[in-house]
Amino acid sequence: MFSGTLFAESKLILGVLIFLAGLGSGAWHPQGTANATMAGGARWGATAASIFFLGGSLGSAFLGSAMGGWLLGAYGRRALLVISAITVFLALTAVRAWVPPRLEASRPKAGPRQGVASSTRRTFWVLLVLLLVATALRSFAQHAVNTFVPKFQQDLGVSPDVYGVLMSLNLFAAALGGVAGAYLADRVGLRRILVVTLILGGGCLLVFMRESGSLVGYAAFVLAGLFYGPSHTLLVVSGQRQFPDKMAMMGGFFLGFTFVSGAGGTWVLGLLADRYGLPQMLTVLPWALLLAAVFAFLALPHAQPEPVPERQAVES
């Protein structure tokens, strides 16, 4: 579908192709996330998922933006078919050969008495809602940073080449932080790393807002990306671990909720910024990350469920 957009001559056909391409991309991510988490096993599930997301970030940056921009500028838009060819080749070789055709379901465990089970279910759904609130606040903060910080820097008189590098460093730090934070989460506990990194990310973003335009502010902005980078992977993995027999579905649900809540929150922030001023509204973002840390702390138990469904012995 993306390849078809290179040949579309009408806005209607272009819109339909982009919509269908988005459905394909959206369908790919839940299965890819579940496979990545399961590949890491019970011990390295978060790390494996973070490498999956790192691959997407690096692919967008280098194969997509860098190589795509060069092909577009040198040979025109239809030269982007080279990237499509690479993608199809990898899908039919590496992905088809290495990804299992289905995920095994965990064996259902005997539940408690009805009264206890009902209370447990209510507690579970309350904790899930708290986790979704934490996800929404974190996604809103990162989407708003990516959308409005360049405009904020431009209003301060900073040249595009300077804030362009600043944004690139922030995104690169977030990608590296995602892997490092997930690795630490697998070693010392997901809840602890998730809460600490959200607090540190909010603190660095607060320093950036107060010292914007200075070297200290720029350093804090890059560190903010490093610290809030892991929370994207860790929140998705946390959601998967609540439903170990429906990991692909929950991966897709949390990813979709992340994108929708981030986009919706950014839209609302933009409306308020037009009325009250962009600098004033951007000061909300550090507090959004700090609130996300509070909700994540309340939502996650000290010991997370096993991230990988138990394999069942099958008699031949």
Protein backbone atom coordinates (compact mmCIF):
# COMPACT_ATOMS: atom_id res chain seq x y z
CA MET A 1 0.00 0.00 0.00
CA PHE A 2 2.84 2.39 0.77
CA SER A 3 4.36 1.56 -2.60
CA GLY A 4 1.05 2.37 -4.26
CA THR A 5 1.14 5.90 -2.84
CA LEU A 6 4.17 6.58 -5.02
CA PHE A 7 1.98 6.18 -8.10
CA ALA A 8 -1.30 7.70 -6.82
CA GLU A 9 -2.39 10.75 -8.81
CA SER A 10 -5.52 11.69 -6.85
CA LYS A 11 -6.01 12.68 -3.22
CA LEU A 12 -8.80 10.10 -2.79
CA ILE A 13 -6.65 7.17 -3.92
CA LEU A 14 -3.72 8.50 -1.89
CA GLY A 15 -5.87 8.72 1.24
CA VAL A 16 -7.27 5.19 0.78
CA LEU A 17 -3.80 3.71 0.27
CA ILE A 18 -2.37 5.47 3.32
CA PHE A 19 -5.34 4.29 5.42
CA LEU A 20 -4.87 0.67 4.31
CA ALA A 21 -1.11 0.92 4.86
CA GLY A 22 -1.79 2.13 8.40
CA LEU A 23 -3.98 -0.93 9.03
CA GLY A 24 -1.15 -3.19 7.90
CA SER A 25 1.41 -1.40 10.03
CA GLY A 26 -0.94 -1.49 13.02
CA ALA A 27 -1.55 -5.22 12.59
CA TRP A 28 2.17 -5.93 12.40
CA HIS A 29 3.15 -4.29 15.69
CA PRO A 30 1.10 -6.34 18.22
CA GLN A 31 2.35 -9.66 16.83
CA GLY A 32 5.90 -8.36 16.57
CA THR A 33 5.81 -7.06 20.15
CA ALA A 34 4.43 -10.35 21.50
CA ASN A 35 7.01 -12.44 19.65
CA ALA A 36 9.80 -10.17 20.84
CA THR A 37 8.67 -10.35 24.48
CA MET A 38 8.34 -14.13 24.35
CA ALA A 39 11.75 -14.48 22.69
CA GLY A 40 13.30 -12.97 25.80
CA GLY A 41 11.70 -15.56 28.05
CA ALA A 42 10.74 -15.02 31.66
CA ARG A 43 14.04 -13.29 32.48
CA TRP A 44 14.71 -11.00 29.50
CA GLY A 45 11.23 -10.22 28.15
CA ALA A 46 11.46 -6.43 28.59
CA THR A 47 14.94 -6.31 27.06
CA ALA A 48 13.83 -8.26 23.99
CA ALA A 49 10.79 -6.00 23.53
CA SER A 50 13.00 -2.91 23.83
CA ILE A 51 15.29 -4.21 21.07
CA PHE A 52 12.21 -4.67 18.88
CA PHE A 53 11.24 -1.02 19.42
CA LEU A 54 14.86 0.08 18.98
CA GLY A 55 14.88 -1.63 15.59
CA GLY A 56 11.83 0.37 14.58
CA SER A 57 13.37 3.64 15.73
CA LEU A 58 16.68 3.02 13.97
CA GLY A 59 14.89 1.84 10.84
CA SER A 60 12.79 5.00 10.74
CA ALA A 61 15.84 7.17 11.30
CA PHE A 62 18.30 5.56 8.88
CA LEU A 63 16.51 3.35 6.35
CA GLY A 64 13.44 5.59 6.30
CA SER A 65 14.49 9.20 6.86
CA ALA A 66 18.17 9.15 5.85
CA MET A 67 18.12 6.71 2.94
CA GLY A 68 14.59 7.71 1.95
CA GLY A 69 15.51 11.38 1.91
CA TRP A 70 18.56 10.69 -0.23
CA LEU A 71 16.58 8.58 -2.71
CA LEU A 72 13.81 11.16 -2.84
CA GLY A 73 16.18 14.05 -3.49
CA ALA A 74 18.43 12.25 -5.95
CA TYR A 75 16.03 10.12 -7.99
CA GLY A 76 12.44 11.19 -7.19
CA ARG A 77 9.63 9.65 -5.20
CA ARG A 78 9.38 6.38 -7.15
CA ALA A 79 12.94 5.54 -6.14
CA LEU A 80 11.49 4.80 -2.70
CA LEU A 81 10.45 1.45 -4.19
CA VAL A 82 13.97 0.35 -3.20
CA ILE A 83 12.90 0.54 0.46
CA SER A 84 9.71 -1.38 -0.35
CA ALA A 85 11.78 -4.08 -2.03
CA ILE A 86 14.03 -4.40 1.03
CA THR A 87 10.99 -4.66 3.30
CA VAL A 88 9.26 -7.33 1.20
CA PHE A 89 12.49 -9.33 0.89
CA LEU A 90 12.99 -9.33 4.68
CA ALA A 91 9.33 -10.25 5.27
CA LEU A 92 9.50 -13.27 2.94
CA THR A 93 12.85 -14.51 4.23
CA ALA A 94 13.83 -13.58 7.79
CA VAL A 95 10.39 -12.85 9.24
CA ARG A 96 8.63 -15.79 7.59
CA ALA A 97 11.37 -18.23 8.58
CA TRP A 98 11.93 -17.13 12.19
CA VAL A 99 8.52 -16.10 13.53
CA PRO A 100 6.34 -18.95 14.87
CA PRO A 101 2.92 -19.37 13.22
CA ARG A 102 1.06 -19.16 16.55
CA LEU A 103 1.58 -18.37 20.23
CA GLU A 104 0.94 -21.02 22.87
CA ALA A 105 -1.71 -20.29 25.47
CA SER A 106 -1.00 -20.68 29.16
CA ARG A 107 -2.73 -23.36 31.14
CA PRO A 108 -5.62 -21.85 33.14
CA LYS A 109 -5.11 -22.13 36.88
CA ALA A 110 -7.82 -23.06 39.32
CA GLY A 111 -9.40 -19.91 40.62
CA PRO A 112 -10.33 -19.01 44.21
CA ARG A 113 -13.81 -19.14 45.69
CA GLN A 114 -16.43 -17.02 43.96
CA GLY A 115 -16.47 -14.19 46.51
CA VAL A 116 -12.69 -13.91 46.54
CA ALA A 117 -12.53 -14.20 42.75
CA SER A 118 -15.01 -11.35 42.32
CA SER A 119 -12.99 -9.10 44.62
CA THR A 120 -9.77 -10.05 42.82
CA ARG A 121 -11.30 -9.21 39.45
CA ARG A 122 -12.41 -5.78 40.66
CA THR A 123 -8.94 -5.05 42.02
CA PHE A 124 -7.38 -6.21 38.76
CA TRP A 125 -9.50 -3.88 36.63
CA VAL A 126 -8.80 -0.93 38.93
CA LEU A 127 -5.06 -1.55 38.60
CA LEU A 128 -5.40 -1.89 34.82
CA VAL A 129 -7.17 1.48 34.62
CA LEU A 130 -4.37 3.07 36.69
CA LEU A 131 -1.81 1.57 34.29
CA LEU A 132 -3.70 3.00 31.31
CA VAL A 133 -3.74 6.44 32.94
CA ALA A 134 0.02 6.23 33.43
CA THR A 135 0.39 5.21 29.78
CA ALA A 136 -1.76 8.12 28.60
CA LEU A 137 0.15 10.70 30.65
CA ARG A 138 3.53 9.42 29.49
CA SER A 139 2.45 9.25 25.84
CA PHE A 140 0.95 12.74 26.00
CA ALA A 141 4.22 14.16 27.36
CA GLN A 142 6.43 12.57 24.70
CA HIS A 143 4.10 13.40 21.79
CA ALA A 144 3.83 17.00 22.96
CA VAL A 145 7.62 17.28 23.30
CA ASN A 146 8.16 16.02 19.76
CA THR A 147 5.43 18.29 18.38
CA PHE A 148 5.91 21.58 20.21
CA VAL A 149 9.51 21.85 21.38
CA PRO A 150 10.73 22.75 17.86
CA LYS A 151 8.10 25.53 17.70
CA PHE A 152 9.05 26.64 21.20
CA GLN A 153 12.72 26.87 20.22
CA GLN A 154 11.84 28.70 17.02
CA ASP A 155 9.88 31.28 19.01
CA LEU A 156 12.98 31.82 21.17
CA GLY A 157 14.98 32.66 18.03
CA VAL A 158 16.93 29.40 17.87
CA SER A 159 17.92 28.43 14.32
CA PRO A 160 16.45 25.25 12.76
CA ASP A 161 19.83 23.54 12.47
CA VAL A 162 20.36 23.90 16.24
CA TYR A 163 16.98 22.66 17.43
CA GLY A 164 17.02 20.00 14.70
CA VAL A 165 20.16 18.51 16.23
CA LEU A 166 18.63 18.91 19.68
CA MET A 167 15.54 16.90 18.70
CA SER A 168 17.68 14.24 17.02
CA LEU A 169 19.78 13.82 20.16
CA ASN A 170 16.65 13.58 22.30
CA LEU A 171 15.16 10.87 20.07
CA PHE A 172 18.44 8.97 19.87
CA ALA A 173 18.82 9.13 23.66
CA ALA A 174 15.25 7.85 24.08
CA ALA A 175 16.02 4.88 21.83
CA LEU A 176 19.19 3.99 23.74
CA GLY A 177 17.49 4.59 27.07
CA GLY A 178 14.73 2.20 26.07
CA VAL A 179 17.15 -0.71 25.76
CA ALA A 180 19.23 0.20 28.82
CA GLY A 181 16.16 0.74 31.00
CA ALA A 182 14.53 -2.50 29.89
CA TYR A 183 17.74 -4.41 30.62
CA LEU A 184 17.84 -2.94 34.13
CA ALA A 185 14.13 -3.69 34.60
CA ASP A 186 14.76 -7.37 33.85
CA ARG A 187 17.54 -7.40 36.44
CA VAL A 188 16.22 -5.29 39.33
CA GLY A 189 12.46 -5.11 38.74
CA LEU A 190 10.17 -3.54 36.16
CA ARG A 191 8.16 -1.44 38.60
CA ARG A 192 11.22 0.14 40.21
CA ILE A 193 12.89 1.12 36.91
CA LEU A 194 9.62 2.36 35.40
CA VAL A 195 8.84 4.69 38.30
CA VAL A 196 12.41 5.96 38.74
CA THR A 197 12.94 6.71 35.05
CA LEU A 198 9.63 8.57 34.79
CA ILE A 199 10.56 10.71 37.80
CA LEU A 200 14.03 11.44 36.41
CA GLY A 201 12.60 12.21 32.96
CA GLY A 202 10.08 14.64 34.45
CA GLY A 203 12.79 16.30 36.52
CA CYS A 204 15.09 16.79 33.52
CA LEU A 205 12.21 18.17 31.46
CA LEU A 206 11.46 20.62 34.26
CA VAL A 207 15.09 21.82 34.19
CA PHE A 208 14.88 22.23 30.42
CA MET A 209 11.77 24.40 30.68
CA ARG A 210 13.43 26.65 33.24
CA GLU A 211 16.81 26.81 31.46
CA SER A 212 15.63 26.65 27.84
CA GLY A 213 18.12 28.18 25.42
CA SER A 214 21.15 27.47 27.62
CA LEU A 215 23.65 24.62 27.48
CA VAL A 216 22.34 23.30 30.79
CA GLY A 217 18.81 23.26 29.41
CA TYR A 218 19.89 21.44 26.25
CA ALA A 219 21.77 18.82 28.25
CA ALA A 220 18.72 18.30 30.47
CA PHE A 221 16.51 17.88 27.38
CA VAL A 222 18.72 15.12 25.99
CA LEU A 223 18.82 13.41 29.41
CA ALA A 224 15.02 13.67 29.60
CA GLY A 225 14.78 11.55 26.46
CA LEU A 226 17.24 9.04 27.91
CA PHE A 227 15.16 8.69 31.08
CA TYR A 228 11.60 8.64 29.73
CA GLY A 229 12.61 6.41 26.81
CA PRO A 230 12.34 3.10 28.73
CA SER A 231 8.80 3.75 29.96
CA HIS A 232 7.23 3.16 26.53
CA THR A 233 8.50 -0.43 26.40
CA LEU A 234 7.98 -1.09 30.10
CA LEU A 235 4.34 0.04 30.06
CA VAL A 236 3.57 -2.19 27.06
CA VAL A 237 5.30 -5.16 28.69
CA SER A 238 3.43 -4.47 31.94
CA GLY A 239 0.14 -4.68 30.06
CA GLN A 240 1.18 -7.92 28.37
CA ARG A 241 2.07 -9.50 31.69
CA GLN A 242 -1.43 -8.93 33.00
CA PHE A 243 -2.73 -11.22 30.22
CA PRO A 244 0.03 -13.79 29.53
CA ASP A 245 -2.28 -15.83 27.28
CA LYS A 246 -3.29 -12.78 25.19
CA MET A 247 0.04 -11.02 24.75
CA ALA A 248 -0.43 -10.01 21.12
CA MET A 249 -3.89 -8.58 21.79
CA MET A 250 -2.71 -6.60 24.83
CA GLY A 251 0.39 -5.40 22.97
CA GLY A 252 -1.85 -4.02 20.24
CA PHE A 253 -4.27 -2.53 22.74
CA PHE A 254 -1.57 -0.72 24.69
CA LEU A 255 0.20 0.47 21.54
CA GLY A 256 -3.05 1.75 20.05
CA PHE A 257 -4.02 3.42 23.33
CA THR A 258 -0.55 4.99 23.50
CA PHE A 259 -0.87 6.56 20.05
CA VAL A 260 -4.47 7.71 20.49
CA SER A 261 -3.98 9.21 23.96
CA GLY A 262 -0.73 10.90 22.92
CA ALA A 263 -2.26 12.40 19.79
CA GLY A 264 -5.43 13.49 21.59
CA GLY A 265 -3.53 15.06 24.46
CA THR A 266 -1.22 16.90 22.08
CA TRP A 267 -4.21 18.28 20.17
CA VAL A 268 -5.79 19.58 23.39
CA LEU A 269 -2.47 21.11 24.47
CA GLY A 270 -2.22 22.88 21.11
CA LEU A 271 -5.69 24.37 21.53
CA LEU A 272 -4.81 25.61 25.01
CA ALA A 273 -1.43 26.93 23.81
CA ASP A 274 -3.19 29.11 21.23
CA ARG A 275 -5.18 30.67 24.04
CA TYR A 276 -2.76 30.80 26.98
CA GLY A 277 0.65 30.65 25.28
CA LEU A 278 2.94 27.78 24.36
CA PRO A 279 5.60 28.32 27.09
CA GLN A 280 2.94 28.27 29.80
CA MET A 281 1.36 25.05 28.52
CA LEU A 282 4.68 23.24 28.04
CA THR A 283 5.30 23.56 31.78
CA VAL A 284 2.54 20.96 32.19
CA LEU A 285 4.63 18.21 30.56
CA PRO A 286 7.12 17.53 33.42
CA TRP A 287 4.21 17.18 35.83
CA ALA A 288 2.49 14.77 33.43
CA LEU A 289 5.54 12.48 33.65
CA LEU A 290 5.65 12.77 37.42
CA LEU A 291 1.95 11.90 37.65
CA ALA A 292 2.56 8.96 35.32
CA ALA A 293 5.17 7.72 37.80
CA VAL A 294 2.63 7.90 40.64
CA PHE A 295 -0.02 5.97 38.70
CA ALA A 296 2.52 3.37 37.56
CA PHE A 297 3.64 2.88 41.16
CA LEU A 298 0.04 2.29 42.24
CA ALA A 299 -0.82 0.07 39.29
CA LEU A 300 2.06 -2.41 39.31
CA PRO A 301 2.55 -5.06 41.99
CA HIS A 302 5.94 -5.72 43.53
CA ALA A 303 6.15 -9.03 41.69
CA GLN A 304 4.96 -9.04 38.08
CA PRO A 305 3.27 -12.11 36.58
CA GLU A 306 5.40 -14.32 34.39
CA PRO A 307 5.65 -12.69 30.97
CA VAL A 308 5.77 -15.92 28.97
CA PRO A 309 2.95 -18.48 28.81
CA GLU A 310 3.82 -21.85 30.23
CA ARG A 311 4.57 -24.51 27.65
CA GLN A 312 2.34 -27.54 27.94
CA ALA A 313 3.64 -31.05 27.40
CA VAL A 314 1.78 -32.74 24.58
CA GLU A 315 1.66 -36.53 24.45
CA SER A 316 2.25 -38.01 21.03
